[in-house]
Amino acid sequence: MGAGLAGLTIAYLLQKSGFSSTILEARNRTGGRIHTQRKSGEASVELGATWFGHQHEELIKLMHELGVDYAEQYIGEQVFYEMNSMSPPQLLTLPSGSDETFRLRNGTDSLINALSDRIDESSPVKTGTIVKEIFDSSSRITLFTSIGQIEADIVISTLPPKLFLDTISVKPALPEYFRQIASSTQTWMADSIKVGFTYSEPFWRGKGYSGTIMSNVGPIIEMYDHSAVNDDFYALKGFMAGSYYSVSADQRREAAMQQLRSFFGDAATRPLSYVEKVWRDEPFTFSRYNENVIPHQNNGHGVYQKPYLDGRLWFAGAETSAISPGYMDGAVNSAKQVVKKIVAQIQ
């Protein structure tokens, strides 16, 4: 279940191992928490997963295998930093030798597209399909979905565990220890607000600035030059403080523009377009926590490393991975591990 990075990677790896699958995706698009916003004549803007580093080895291996290229994220030598509302922004010089950060050259969705292109018709992707119940009859599993019943030998959920627990009924019920861990597992990006402004020119560079902002004040808490890698379209993109989910999109846009104006001048208030993604408004990502959770809480927990329902229900996805939990590399790692275990189980 799920046509995000983990789900599509699982289908691709199963196909390479000689097995077919059916991918059930609740959204009307593939990609999950990878969401590249595109508009003709403007820079594309990543509203979901974007960056990775040298340490994300399995993700990089997969990109090399699929022929998907990537480039270094431009940070610059100097960044604006706002320590608090009582102090003016400071222009700080970054220390030399900082670890490189990368993003996909043609957009993060190019990885989703490359996987989709390699999955043949034996493994169909059914979008707009919401799974409501999983019933184990002791020989096969029946999934009750928004498009009817679907039979399967094995089910792999790539949903965030908290979302799975809150939206899908499992019969017979999963163990209480699993439910306790899943209910307090942090869903990566669920509380994030990503915002982007596209521009006709990179005016910040003309002032000698990199476009990088770090702020304890907000509303924007991080911002980066998000221009196209071949430097023909221009954008700034970053994170807005999560508390701004409670105001309107127009209010978020105006507040963000005025903050950028304080750094870069009036040119910042004349974007070609403004785009945003409030991830807690995404019903197929966010599920409200019953208690406070911290980043990566219970990510990669041991309860996600084994199957349930007599080996017929498995869990994968960024939150389940013991390696790089919460990141794209975690999604790929989890996909590889679960396919390896399932193939061994079948053989």
C-alpha atoms as a PDB file:
ATOM      1  CA  MET A   1       0.000   0.000   0.000  1.00  0.00           C
ATOM      2  CA  GLY A   2       1.305   3.419  -0.929  1.00  0.00           C
ATOM      3  CA  ALA A   3       2.894   4.717  -4.133  1.00  0.00           C
ATOM      4  CA  GLY A   4       5.523   6.859  -2.466  1.00  0.00           C
ATOM      5  CA  LEU A   5       9.244   6.209  -2.693  1.00  0.00           C
ATOM      6  CA  ALA A   6       9.141   3.116  -0.465  1.00  0.00           C
ATOM      7  CA  GLY A   7       6.135   1.549  -2.186  1.00  0.00           C
ATOM      8  CA  LEU A   8       7.420   2.083  -5.720  1.00  0.00           C
ATOM      9  CA  THR A   9      10.884   0.833  -4.751  1.00  0.00           C
ATOM     10  CA  ILE A  10       9.320  -2.307  -3.289  1.00  0.00           C
ATOM     11  CA  ALA A  11       7.358  -2.938  -6.496  1.00  0.00           C
ATOM     12  CA  TYR A  12      10.491  -2.364  -8.583  1.00  0.00           C
ATOM     13  CA  LEU A  13      12.606  -4.737  -6.465  1.00  0.00           C
ATOM     14  CA  LEU A  14       9.891  -7.410  -6.351  1.00  0.00           C
ATOM     15  CA  GLN A  15       9.620  -7.229 -10.123  1.00  0.00           C
ATOM     16  CA  LYS A  16      13.390  -7.703 -10.437  1.00  0.00           C
ATOM     17  CA  SER A  17      13.023 -10.790  -8.223  1.00  0.00           C
ATOM     18  CA  GLY A  18      10.283 -12.226 -10.432  1.00  0.00           C
ATOM     19  CA  PHE A  19       7.214 -11.276  -8.386  1.00  0.00           C
ATOM     20  CA  SER A  20       4.235  -9.123  -9.301  1.00  0.00           C
ATOM     21  CA  SER A  21       2.444  -6.680  -7.030  1.00  0.00           C
ATOM     22  CA  THR A  22      -0.438  -4.235  -6.942  1.00  0.00           C
ATOM     23  CA  ILE A  23       0.146  -0.785  -5.470  1.00  0.00           C
ATOM     24  CA  LEU A  24      -2.817   0.862  -3.761  1.00  0.00           C
ATOM     25  CA  GLU A  25      -2.458   4.639  -3.396  1.00  0.00           C
ATOM     26  CA  ALA A  26      -5.043   6.790  -1.646  1.00  0.00           C
ATOM     27  CA  ARG A  27      -3.949   9.990  -3.371  1.00  0.00           C
ATOM     28  CA  ASN A  28      -4.719  10.736  -6.992  1.00  0.00           C
ATOM     29  CA  ARG A  29      -1.000  10.988  -7.689  1.00  0.00           C
ATOM     30  CA  THR A  30       2.127   8.966  -6.993  1.00  0.00           C
ATOM     31  CA  GLY A  31       5.031  10.214  -4.903  1.00  0.00           C
ATOM     32  CA  GLY A  32       3.583  10.435  -1.398  1.00  0.00           C
ATOM     33  CA  ARG A  33       5.703  12.906   0.537  1.00  0.00           C
ATOM     34  CA  ILE A  34       7.673  13.640  -2.608  1.00  0.00           C
ATOM     35  CA  HIS A  35       5.777  16.442  -4.316  1.00  0.00           C
ATOM     36  CA  THR A  36       7.393  18.616  -6.986  1.00  0.00           C
ATOM     37  CA  GLN A  37       5.303  21.632  -7.958  1.00  0.00           C
ATOM     38  CA  ARG A  38       5.832  22.581 -11.615  1.00  0.00           C
ATOM     39  CA  LYS A  39       4.665  25.571 -13.634  1.00  0.00           C
ATOM     40  CA  SER A  40       5.703  26.381 -17.188  1.00  0.00           C
ATOM     41  CA  GLY A  41       8.266  29.175 -17.399  1.00  0.00           C
ATOM     42  CA  GLU A  42       9.122  29.064 -13.691  1.00  0.00           C
ATOM     43  CA  ALA A  43      11.430  27.130 -11.395  1.00  0.00           C
ATOM     44  CA  SER A  44       9.969  23.919 -10.030  1.00  0.00           C
ATOM     45  CA  VAL A  45       9.557  23.912  -6.250  1.00  0.00           C
ATOM     46  CA  GLU A  46       9.910  20.920  -3.947  1.00  0.00           C
ATOM     47  CA  LEU A  47       7.065  20.886  -1.439  1.00  0.00           C
ATOM     48  CA  GLY A  48       8.145  17.580   0.059  1.00  0.00           C
ATOM     49  CA  ALA A  49      11.331  15.535   0.375  1.00  0.00           C
ATOM     50  CA  THR A  50      14.258  17.368  -1.207  1.00  0.00           C
ATOM     51  CA  TRP A  51      17.741  16.925   0.217  1.00  0.00           C
ATOM     52  CA  PHE A  52      20.161  14.098   0.937  1.00  0.00           C
ATOM     53  CA  GLY A  53      23.846  13.630   1.722  1.00  0.00           C
ATOM     54  CA  HIS A  54      26.836  11.375   1.065  1.00  0.00           C
ATOM     55  CA  GLN A  55      25.779   9.147   3.954  1.00  0.00           C
ATOM     56  CA  HIS A  56      22.543   8.197   2.197  1.00  0.00           C
ATOM     57  CA  GLU A  57      24.198   5.370   0.308  1.00  0.00           C
ATOM     58  CA  GLU A  58      21.211   3.196  -0.633  1.00  0.00           C
ATOM     59  CA  LEU A  59      19.324   6.158  -2.073  1.00  0.00           C
ATOM     60  CA  ILE A  60      22.355   7.144  -4.136  1.00  0.00           C
ATOM     61  CA  LYS A  61      22.807   3.552  -5.350  1.00  0.00           C
ATOM     62  CA  LEU A  62      19.192   3.473  -6.494  1.00  0.00           C
ATOM     63  CA  MET A  63      19.549   6.782  -8.332  1.00  0.00           C
ATOM     64  CA  HIS A  64      22.665   5.533 -10.104  1.00  0.00           C
ATOM     65  CA  GLU A  65      20.860   2.320 -11.078  1.00  0.00           C
ATOM     66  CA  LEU A  66      17.938   4.300 -12.498  1.00  0.00           C
ATOM     67  CA  GLY A  67      20.104   6.915 -14.206  1.00  0.00           C
ATOM     68  CA  VAL A  68      18.734   9.778 -12.094  1.00  0.00           C
ATOM     69  CA  ASP A  69      21.197  12.650 -11.723  1.00  0.00           C
ATOM     70  CA  TYR A  70      21.691  14.987  -8.788  1.00  0.00           C
ATOM     71  CA  ALA A  71      23.617  18.151  -7.952  1.00  0.00           C
ATOM     72  CA  GLU A  72      24.891  19.974  -4.894  1.00  0.00           C
ATOM     73  CA  GLN A  73      22.500  22.278  -3.078  1.00  0.00           C
ATOM     74  CA  TYR A  74      23.923  25.802  -3.129  1.00  0.00           C
ATOM     75  CA  ILE A  75      24.207  27.127   0.412  1.00  0.00           C
ATOM     76  CA  GLY A  76      26.792  29.880  -0.052  1.00  0.00           C
ATOM     77  CA  GLU A  77      29.534  31.061   2.247  1.00  0.00           C
ATOM     78  CA  GLN A  78      27.375  33.577   4.081  1.00  0.00           C
ATOM     79  CA  VAL A  79      23.918  33.171   5.580  1.00  0.00           C
ATOM     80  CA  PHE A  80      21.471  35.469   7.291  1.00  0.00           C
ATOM     81  CA  TYR A  81      20.801  34.460  10.871  1.00  0.00           C
ATOM     82  CA  GLU A  82      18.100  35.806  13.174  1.00  0.00           C
ATOM     83  CA  MET A  83      18.827  34.879  16.777  1.00  0.00           C
ATOM     84  CA  ASN A  84      15.771  36.554  18.324  1.00  0.00           C
ATOM     85  CA  SER A  85      13.228  39.275  17.716  1.00  0.00           C
ATOM     86  CA  MET A  86      15.244  41.779  19.762  1.00  0.00           C
ATOM     87  CA  SER A  87      18.344  41.569  17.575  1.00  0.00           C
ATOM     88  CA  PRO A  88      18.786  42.551  13.921  1.00  0.00           C
ATOM     89  CA  PRO A  89      19.655  39.799  11.417  1.00  0.00           C
ATOM     90  CA  GLN A  90      23.341  38.953  11.223  1.00  0.00           C
ATOM     91  CA  LEU A  91      25.269  37.953   8.123  1.00  0.00           C
ATOM     92  CA  LEU A  92      27.417  35.022   9.229  1.00  0.00           C
ATOM     93  CA  THR A  93      30.186  33.177   7.413  1.00  0.00           C
ATOM     94  CA  LEU A  94      29.821  29.409   7.382  1.00  0.00           C
ATOM     95  CA  PRO A  95      32.802  27.314   8.489  1.00  0.00           C
ATOM     96  CA  SER A  96      34.780  25.688   5.695  1.00  0.00           C
ATOM     97  CA  GLY A  97      34.528  21.964   5.127  1.00  0.00           C
ATOM     98  CA  SER A  98      30.806  21.659   5.798  1.00  0.00           C
ATOM     99  CA  ASP A  99      29.181  18.458   4.531  1.00  0.00           C
ATOM    100  CA  GLU A 100      27.687  18.741   1.062  1.00  0.00           C
ATOM    101  CA  THR A 101      23.935  18.519   0.617  1.00  0.00           C
ATOM    102  CA  PHE A 102      22.367  17.402  -2.667  1.00  0.00           C
ATOM    103  CA  ARG A 103      19.047  17.546  -4.514  1.00  0.00           C
ATOM    104  CA  LEU A 104      17.905  15.867  -7.702  1.00  0.00           C
ATOM    105  CA  ARG A 105      18.885  17.770 -10.807  1.00  0.00           C
ATOM    106  CA  ASN A 106      15.495  17.511 -12.511  1.00  0.00           C
ATOM    107  CA  GLY A 107      13.313  17.526  -9.408  1.00  0.00           C
ATOM    108  CA  THR A 108      12.701  14.908  -6.747  1.00  0.00           C
ATOM    109  CA  ASP A 109       9.755  13.581  -8.732  1.00  0.00           C
ATOM    110  CA  SER A 110      12.227  12.449 -11.410  1.00  0.00           C
ATOM    111  CA  LEU A 111      13.084   9.572  -9.065  1.00  0.00           C
ATOM    112  CA  ILE A 112       9.383   8.681  -8.730  1.00  0.00           C
ATOM    113  CA  ASN A 113       8.976   8.883 -12.507  1.00  0.00           C
ATOM    114  CA  ALA A 114      12.040   6.703 -13.109  1.00  0.00           C
ATOM    115  CA  LEU A 115      10.700   4.008 -10.789  1.00  0.00           C
ATOM    116  CA  SER A 116       7.226   4.210 -12.334  1.00  0.00           C
ATOM    117  CA  ASP A 117       8.684   3.854 -15.827  1.00  0.00           C
ATOM    118  CA  ARG A 118      10.436   0.614 -14.839  1.00  0.00           C
ATOM    119  CA  ILE A 119       7.439  -1.012 -13.193  1.00  0.00           C
ATOM    120  CA  ASP A 120       5.576  -2.920 -15.899  1.00  0.00           C
ATOM    121  CA  GLU A 121       1.879  -3.736 -16.262  1.00  0.00           C
ATOM    122  CA  SER A 122       2.228  -6.848 -14.098  1.00  0.00           C
ATOM    123  CA  SER A 123       2.441  -4.485 -11.109  1.00  0.00           C
ATOM    124  CA  PRO A 124      -0.337  -1.915 -11.590  1.00  0.00           C
ATOM    125  CA  VAL A 125      -0.631   1.268  -9.542  1.00  0.00           C
ATOM    126  CA  LYS A 126      -4.206   2.026  -8.457  1.00  0.00           C
ATOM    127  CA  THR A 127      -4.468   5.651  -7.366  1.00  0.00           C
ATOM    128  CA  GLY A 128      -7.501   7.033  -5.571  1.00  0.00           C
ATOM    129  CA  THR A 129      -7.780   3.773  -3.651  1.00  0.00           C
ATOM    130  CA  ILE A 130      -8.283   4.078   0.108  1.00  0.00           C
ATOM    131  CA  VAL A 131      -7.723   0.955   2.189  1.00  0.00           C
ATOM    132  CA  LYS A 132     -10.195   0.772   5.073  1.00  0.00           C
ATOM    133  CA  GLU A 133      -9.797  -2.738   6.494  1.00  0.00           C
ATOM    134  CA  ILE A 134      -7.400  -5.678   6.335  1.00  0.00           C
ATOM    135  CA  PHE A 135      -8.947  -9.065   7.095  1.00  0.00           C
ATOM    136  CA  ASP A 136      -6.833 -12.196   7.517  1.00  0.00           C
ATOM    137  CA  SER A 137      -8.723 -15.382   6.712  1.00  0.00           C
ATOM    138  CA  SER A 138      -5.730 -17.570   7.734  1.00  0.00           C
ATOM    139  CA  SER A 139      -4.932 -18.414   4.109  1.00  0.00           C
ATOM    140  CA  ARG A 140      -5.148 -15.089   2.251  1.00  0.00           C
ATOM    141  CA  ILE A 141      -5.732 -11.472   3.115  1.00  0.00           C
ATOM    142  CA  THR A 142      -8.737  -9.458   2.002  1.00  0.00           C
ATOM    143  CA  LEU A 143      -8.425  -5.701   1.729  1.00  0.00           C
ATOM    144  CA  PHE A 144     -11.629  -3.692   1.874  1.00  0.00           C
ATOM    145  CA  THR A 145     -11.024  -0.539  -0.142  1.00  0.00           C
ATOM    146  CA  SER A 146     -12.866   2.404  -1.656  1.00  0.00           C
ATOM    147  CA  ILE A 147     -12.968   0.518  -4.978  1.00  0.00           C
ATOM    148  CA  GLY A 148     -14.028  -2.842  -3.569  1.00  0.00           C
ATOM    149  CA  GLN A 149     -12.399  -5.965  -2.159  1.00  0.00           C
ATOM    150  CA  ILE A 150      -8.891  -7.027  -3.167  1.00  0.00           C
ATOM    151  CA  GLU A 151      -7.311 -10.397  -2.350  1.00  0.00           C
ATOM    152  CA  ALA A 152      -3.585 -10.760  -1.625  1.00  0.00           C
ATOM    153  CA  ASP A 153      -1.091 -13.324  -0.393  1.00  0.00           C
ATOM    154  CA  ILE A 154       1.072 -10.680   1.312  1.00  0.00           C
ATOM    155  CA  VAL A 155       0.394  -7.056   2.192  1.00  0.00           C
ATOM    156  CA  ILE A 156       3.144  -4.471   2.735  1.00  0.00           C
ATOM    157  CA  SER A 157       2.086  -1.185   4.275  1.00  0.00           C
ATOM    158  CA  THR A 158       4.280   1.830   3.520  1.00  0.00           C
ATOM    159  CA  LEU A 159       1.979   4.248   5.337  1.00  0.00           C
ATOM    160  CA  PRO A 160       3.356   6.182   8.309  1.00  0.00           C
ATOM    161  CA  PRO A 161       2.664   3.805  11.227  1.00  0.00           C
ATOM    162  CA  LYS A 162       0.532   6.346  13.119  1.00  0.00           C
ATOM    163  CA  LEU A 163      -1.628   6.915  10.055  1.00  0.00           C
ATOM    164  CA  PHE A 164      -1.956   3.156   9.462  1.00  0.00           C
ATOM    165  CA  LEU A 165      -3.050   2.598  13.051  1.00  0.00           C
ATOM    166  CA  ASP A 166      -5.642   5.379  12.982  1.00  0.00           C
ATOM    167  CA  THR A 167      -7.199   4.769   9.570  1.00  0.00           C
ATOM    168  CA  ILE A 168      -7.083   1.023   8.845  1.00  0.00           C
ATOM    169  CA  SER A 169      -8.855  -1.683  10.816  1.00  0.00           C
ATOM    170  CA  VAL A 170      -6.959  -4.974  11.065  1.00  0.00           C
ATOM    171  CA  LYS A 171      -8.725  -8.239  11.905  1.00  0.00           C
ATOM    172  CA  PRO A 172      -7.566 -10.063  13.891  1.00  0.00           C
ATOM    173  CA  ALA A 173      -6.173  -7.059  15.771  1.00  0.00           C
ATOM    174  CA  LEU A 174      -2.460  -6.353  15.844  1.00  0.00           C
ATOM    175  CA  PRO A 175      -0.692  -6.898  19.186  1.00  0.00           C
ATOM    176  CA  GLU A 176      -1.100  -4.195  21.833  1.00  0.00           C
ATOM    177  CA  TYR A 177       2.670  -3.602  21.973  1.00  0.00           C
ATOM    178  CA  PHE A 178       2.638  -2.768  18.251  1.00  0.00           C
ATOM    179  CA  ARG A 179      -0.282  -0.400  18.688  1.00  0.00           C
ATOM    180  CA  GLN A 180       1.437   1.404  21.551  1.00  0.00           C
ATOM    181  CA  ILE A 181       4.621   1.991  19.554  1.00  0.00           C
ATOM    182  CA  ALA A 182       2.801   2.966  16.357  1.00  0.00           C
ATOM    183  CA  SER A 183       0.602   5.463  18.201  1.00  0.00           C
ATOM    184  CA  SER A 184       3.693   7.349  19.380  1.00  0.00           C
ATOM    185  CA  THR A 185       5.815   7.073  16.235  1.00  0.00           C
ATOM    186  CA  GLN A 186       6.631  10.427  14.714  1.00  0.00           C
ATOM    187  CA  THR A 187       5.563  10.895  11.103  1.00  0.00           C
ATOM    188  CA  TRP A 188       8.303  12.717   9.267  1.00  0.00           C
ATOM    189  CA  MET A 189       7.217  15.970   7.583  1.00  0.00           C
ATOM    190  CA  ALA A 190       3.705  15.747   9.045  1.00  0.00           C
ATOM    191  CA  ASP A 191       4.155  19.002  10.969  1.00  0.00           C
ATOM    192  CA  SER A 192       6.113  20.804   8.235  1.00  0.00           C
ATOM    193  CA  ILE A 193       5.035  23.790   6.174  1.00  0.00           C
ATOM    194  CA  LYS A 194       7.059  24.223   3.001  1.00  0.00           C
ATOM    195  CA  VAL A 195       6.880  27.486   1.082  1.00  0.00           C
ATOM    196  CA  GLY A 196       8.425  28.690  -2.146  1.00  0.00           C
ATOM    197  CA  PHE A 197       8.608  31.889  -4.177  1.00  0.00           C
ATOM    198  CA  THR A 198       9.560  31.862  -7.853  1.00  0.00           C
ATOM    199  CA  TYR A 199      11.172  34.908  -9.451  1.00  0.00           C
ATOM    200  CA  SER A 200      12.162  36.170 -12.886  1.00  0.00           C
ATOM    201  CA  GLU A 201      15.709  36.864 -11.673  1.00  0.00           C
ATOM    202  CA  PRO A 202      17.930  35.946  -8.694  1.00  0.00           C
ATOM    203  CA  PHE A 203      17.998  39.477  -7.242  1.00  0.00           C
ATOM    204  CA  TRP A 204      19.532  38.259  -3.967  1.00  0.00           C
ATOM    205  CA  ARG A 205      22.707  37.274  -5.798  1.00  0.00           C
ATOM    206  CA  GLY A 206      23.055  40.797  -7.151  1.00  0.00           C
ATOM    207  CA  LYS A 207      23.353  41.956  -3.570  1.00  0.00           C
ATOM    208  CA  GLY A 208      26.009  39.355  -2.904  1.00  0.00           C
ATOM    209  CA  TYR A 209      23.720  37.119  -0.834  1.00  0.00           C
ATOM    210  CA  SER A 210      23.372  33.359  -1.114  1.00  0.00           C
ATOM    211  CA  GLY A 211      19.647  33.266  -0.391  1.00  0.00           C
ATOM    212  CA  THR A 212      20.203  31.128   2.713  1.00  0.00           C
ATOM    213  CA  ILE A 213      18.325  32.186   5.860  1.00  0.00           C
ATOM    214  CA  MET A 214      18.242  30.653   9.338  1.00  0.00           C
ATOM    215  CA  SER A 215      15.812  32.244  11.765  1.00  0.00           C
ATOM    216  CA  ASN A 216      14.630  31.639  15.302  1.00  0.00           C
ATOM    217  CA  VAL A 217      12.027  34.357  14.749  1.00  0.00           C
ATOM    218  CA  GLY A 218      10.102  33.312  11.653  1.00  0.00           C
ATOM    219  CA  PRO A 219       7.742  32.999  10.043  1.00  0.00           C
ATOM    220  CA  ILE A 220      10.349  31.448   7.720  1.00  0.00           C
ATOM    221  CA  ILE A 221      12.810  29.436   9.805  1.00  0.00           C
ATOM    222  CA  GLU A 222      14.942  28.143   6.899  1.00  0.00           C
ATOM    223  CA  MET A 223      15.258  29.359   3.310  1.00  0.00           C
ATOM    224  CA  TYR A 224      17.557  28.398   0.419  1.00  0.00           C
ATOM    225  CA  ASP A 225      18.261  29.293  -3.183  1.00  0.00           C
ATOM    226  CA  HIS A 226      16.054  26.821  -5.027  1.00  0.00           C
ATOM    227  CA  SER A 227      16.814  27.960  -8.560  1.00  0.00           C
ATOM    228  CA  ALA A 228      16.983  25.400 -11.350  1.00  0.00           C
ATOM    229  CA  VAL A 229      20.323  23.595 -11.447  1.00  0.00           C
ATOM    230  CA  ASN A 230      20.990  24.828 -15.001  1.00  0.00           C
ATOM    231  CA  ASP A 231      20.283  28.369 -13.683  1.00  0.00           C
ATOM    232  CA  ASP A 232      17.549  29.424 -16.098  1.00  0.00           C
ATOM    233  CA  PHE A 233      14.693  29.689 -13.571  1.00  0.00           C
ATOM    234  CA  TYR A 234      14.874  31.106 -10.054  1.00  0.00           C
ATOM    235  CA  ALA A 235      13.278  30.475  -6.688  1.00  0.00           C
ATOM    236  CA  LEU A 236      13.679  30.630  -2.935  1.00  0.00           C
ATOM    237  CA  LYS A 237      12.281  27.748  -0.900  1.00  0.00           C
ATOM    238  CA  GLY A 238      12.217  26.742   2.705  1.00  0.00           C
ATOM    239  CA  PHE A 239      10.307  25.930   5.869  1.00  0.00           C
ATOM    240  CA  MET A 240       7.787  28.064   7.710  1.00  0.00           C
ATOM    241  CA  ALA A 241       7.280  27.671  11.460  1.00  0.00           C
ATOM    242  CA  GLY A 242       4.701  24.951  12.076  1.00  0.00           C
ATOM    243  CA  SER A 243       2.460  27.213  14.160  1.00  0.00           C
ATOM    244  CA  TYR A 244       1.472  29.095  10.997  1.00  0.00           C
ATOM    245  CA  TYR A 245      -0.813  26.217   9.957  1.00  0.00           C
ATOM    246  CA  SER A 246      -3.563  28.038  11.859  1.00  0.00           C
ATOM    247  CA  VAL A 247      -3.649  31.111   9.570  1.00  0.00           C
ATOM    248  CA  SER A 248      -4.772  31.399   5.944  1.00  0.00           C
ATOM    249  CA  ALA A 249      -2.584  30.849   2.894  1.00  0.00           C
ATOM    250  CA  ASP A 250      -2.802  34.569   2.092  1.00  0.00           C
ATOM    251  CA  GLN A 251      -1.609  35.430   5.581  1.00  0.00           C
ATOM    252  CA  ARG A 252       1.293  32.990   5.311  1.00  0.00           C
ATOM    253  CA  ARG A 253       2.260  34.437   1.931  1.00  0.00           C
ATOM    254  CA  GLU A 254       2.179  38.033   3.172  1.00  0.00           C
ATOM    255  CA  ALA A 255       4.106  37.266   6.362  1.00  0.00           C
ATOM    256  CA  ALA A 256       6.773  35.350   4.436  1.00  0.00           C
ATOM    257  CA  MET A 257       7.153  38.110   1.825  1.00  0.00           C
ATOM    258  CA  GLN A 258       7.594  40.787   4.443  1.00  0.00           C
ATOM    259  CA  GLN A 259      10.268  38.733   6.168  1.00  0.00           C
ATOM    260  CA  LEU A 260      12.125  38.242   2.880  1.00  0.00           C
ATOM    261  CA  ARG A 261      11.769  41.968   2.211  1.00  0.00           C
ATOM    262  CA  SER A 262      13.629  42.685   5.448  1.00  0.00           C
ATOM    263  CA  PHE A 263      16.574  40.677   4.110  1.00  0.00           C
ATOM    264  CA  PHE A 264      16.587  41.332   0.379  1.00  0.00           C
ATOM    265  CA  GLY A 265      14.551  44.471  -0.241  1.00  0.00           C
ATOM    266  CA  ASP A 266      11.423  45.215  -2.276  1.00  0.00           C
ATOM    267  CA  ALA A 267      12.287  42.774  -5.073  1.00  0.00           C
ATOM    268  CA  ALA A 268      11.328  39.945  -2.720  1.00  0.00           C
ATOM    269  CA  THR A 269       7.720  41.160  -2.741  1.00  0.00           C
ATOM    270  CA  ARG A 270       7.356  40.744  -6.524  1.00  0.00           C
ATOM    271  CA  PRO A 271       7.387  36.973  -7.069  1.00  0.00           C
ATOM    272  CA  LEU A 272       6.036  35.242 -10.133  1.00  0.00           C
ATOM    273  CA  SER A 273       4.199  32.875  -7.838  1.00  0.00           C
ATOM    274  CA  TYR A 274       3.933  31.593  -4.291  1.00  0.00           C
ATOM    275  CA  VAL A 275       3.442  27.891  -3.515  1.00  0.00           C
ATOM    276  CA  GLU A 276       3.059  26.082  -0.218  1.00  0.00           C
ATOM    277  CA  LYS A 277       2.300  22.732   1.339  1.00  0.00           C
ATOM    278  CA  VAL A 278       0.909  22.457   4.858  1.00  0.00           C
ATOM    279  CA  TRP A 279       1.525  18.786   5.477  1.00  0.00           C
ATOM    280  CA  ARG A 280      -0.736  18.511   8.505  1.00  0.00           C
ATOM    281  CA  ASP A 281      -3.611  19.293   6.120  1.00  0.00           C
ATOM    282  CA  GLU A 282      -2.794  16.142   4.150  1.00  0.00           C
ATOM    283  CA  PRO A 283      -5.149  13.383   5.411  1.00  0.00           C
ATOM    284  CA  PHE A 284      -2.991  10.677   3.812  1.00  0.00           C
ATOM    285  CA  THR A 285       0.094  11.847   5.730  1.00  0.00           C
ATOM    286  CA  PHE A 286      -0.944  13.467   9.003  1.00  0.00           C
ATOM    287  CA  SER A 287      -2.775  11.923  11.912  1.00  0.00           C
ATOM    288  CA  ARG A 288      -3.051  13.884  15.134  1.00  0.00           C
ATOM    289  CA  TYR A 289      -0.904  12.594  17.990  1.00  0.00           C
ATOM    290  CA  ASN A 290      -2.472  11.729  21.320  1.00  0.00           C
ATOM    291  CA  GLU A 291       0.679  12.869  23.104  1.00  0.00           C
ATOM    292  CA  ASN A 292       3.712  14.998  22.350  1.00  0.00           C
ATOM    293  CA  VAL A 293       6.348  13.255  20.243  1.00  0.00           C
ATOM    294  CA  ILE A 294       9.917  14.249  19.449  1.00  0.00           C
ATOM    295  CA  PRO A 295      11.672  14.039  16.051  1.00  0.00           C
ATOM    296  CA  HIS A 296      12.292  10.424  15.004  1.00  0.00           C
ATOM    297  CA  GLN A 297      10.483   9.061  18.061  1.00  0.00           C
ATOM    298  CA  ASN A 298      10.168   5.286  17.621  1.00  0.00           C
ATOM    299  CA  ASN A 299      11.436   5.533  14.035  1.00  0.00           C
ATOM    300  CA  GLY A 300      13.158   2.276  13.129  1.00  0.00           C
ATOM    301  CA  HIS A 301      11.706   0.485  16.163  1.00  0.00           C
ATOM    302  CA  GLY A 302      12.039  -3.279  16.311  1.00  0.00           C
ATOM    303  CA  VAL A 303       8.268  -3.820  16.018  1.00  0.00           C
ATOM    304  CA  TYR A 304       8.508  -2.736  12.364  1.00  0.00           C
ATOM    305  CA  GLN A 305      11.235  -5.219  11.481  1.00  0.00           C
ATOM    306  CA  LYS A 306       9.059  -8.332  11.624  1.00  0.00           C
ATOM    307  CA  PRO A 307       5.800  -9.476   9.978  1.00  0.00           C
ATOM    308  CA  TYR A 308       2.340  -9.958  11.465  1.00  0.00           C
ATOM    309  CA  LEU A 309      -0.688 -12.086  10.612  1.00  0.00           C
ATOM    310  CA  ASP A 310       1.484 -15.215  10.243  1.00  0.00           C
ATOM    311  CA  GLY A 311       3.940 -13.549   7.875  1.00  0.00           C
ATOM    312  CA  ARG A 312       1.336 -11.969   5.607  1.00  0.00           C
ATOM    313  CA  LEU A 313       1.508  -8.330   6.804  1.00  0.00           C
ATOM    314  CA  TRP A 314       4.744  -6.361   6.659  1.00  0.00           C
ATOM    315  CA  PHE A 315       5.663  -2.734   7.305  1.00  0.00           C
ATOM    316  CA  ALA A 316       8.054  -0.506   5.360  1.00  0.00           C
ATOM    317  CA  GLY A 317       8.580   3.208   4.815  1.00  0.00           C
ATOM    318  CA  ALA A 318      10.843   5.958   6.101  1.00  0.00           C
ATOM    319  CA  GLU A 319       9.626   5.730   9.713  1.00  0.00           C
ATOM    320  CA  THR A 320      10.209   1.969   9.917  1.00  0.00           C
ATOM    321  CA  SER A 321      13.849   2.014   8.815  1.00  0.00           C
ATOM    322  CA  ALA A 322      16.620   1.546  11.366  1.00  0.00           C
ATOM    323  CA  ILE A 323      18.940   3.313   8.904  1.00  0.00           C
ATOM    324  CA  SER A 324      18.316   6.975   7.967  1.00  0.00           C
ATOM    325  CA  PRO A 325      14.826   6.977   9.529  1.00  0.00           C
ATOM    326  CA  GLY A 326      12.567   9.731   8.226  1.00  0.00           C
ATOM    327  CA  TYR A 327      14.599  10.398   5.087  1.00  0.00           C
ATOM    328  CA  MET A 328      14.410   9.218   1.497  1.00  0.00           C
ATOM    329  CA  ASP A 329      17.345   6.911   2.197  1.00  0.00           C
ATOM    330  CA  GLY A 330      15.312   5.378   5.022  1.00  0.00           C
ATOM    331  CA  ALA A 331      12.443   4.694   2.628  1.00  0.00           C
ATOM    332  CA  VAL A 332      14.808   2.944   0.198  1.00  0.00           C
ATOM    333  CA  ASN A 333      16.547   1.006   2.969  1.00  0.00           C
ATOM    334  CA  SER A 334      13.232  -0.218   4.354  1.00  0.00           C
ATOM    335  CA  ALA A 335      12.085  -1.273   0.885  1.00  0.00           C
ATOM    336  CA  LYS A 336      15.248  -3.294   0.290  1.00  0.00           C
ATOM    337  CA  GLN A 337      15.083  -4.983   3.684  1.00  0.00           C
ATOM    338  CA  VAL A 338      11.435  -6.000   3.471  1.00  0.00           C
ATOM    339  CA  VAL A 339      11.790  -7.346  -0.086  1.00  0.00           C
ATOM    340  CA  LYS A 340      14.844  -9.349   0.949  1.00  0.00           C
ATOM    341  CA  LYS A 341      12.913 -10.901   3.859  1.00  0.00           C
ATOM    342  CA  ILE A 342       9.792 -11.627   1.819  1.00  0.00           C
ATOM    343  CA  VAL A 343      11.695 -13.238  -1.047  1.00  0.00           C
ATOM    344  CA  ALA A 344      13.536 -15.418   1.471  1.00  0.00           C
ATOM    345  CA  GLN A 345      10.236 -16.339   3.128  1.00  0.00           C
ATOM    346  CA  ILE A 346       8.637 -17.343  -0.193  1.00  0.00           C
ATOM    347  CA  GLN A 347      11.635 -19.299  -1.401  1.00  0.00           C
END
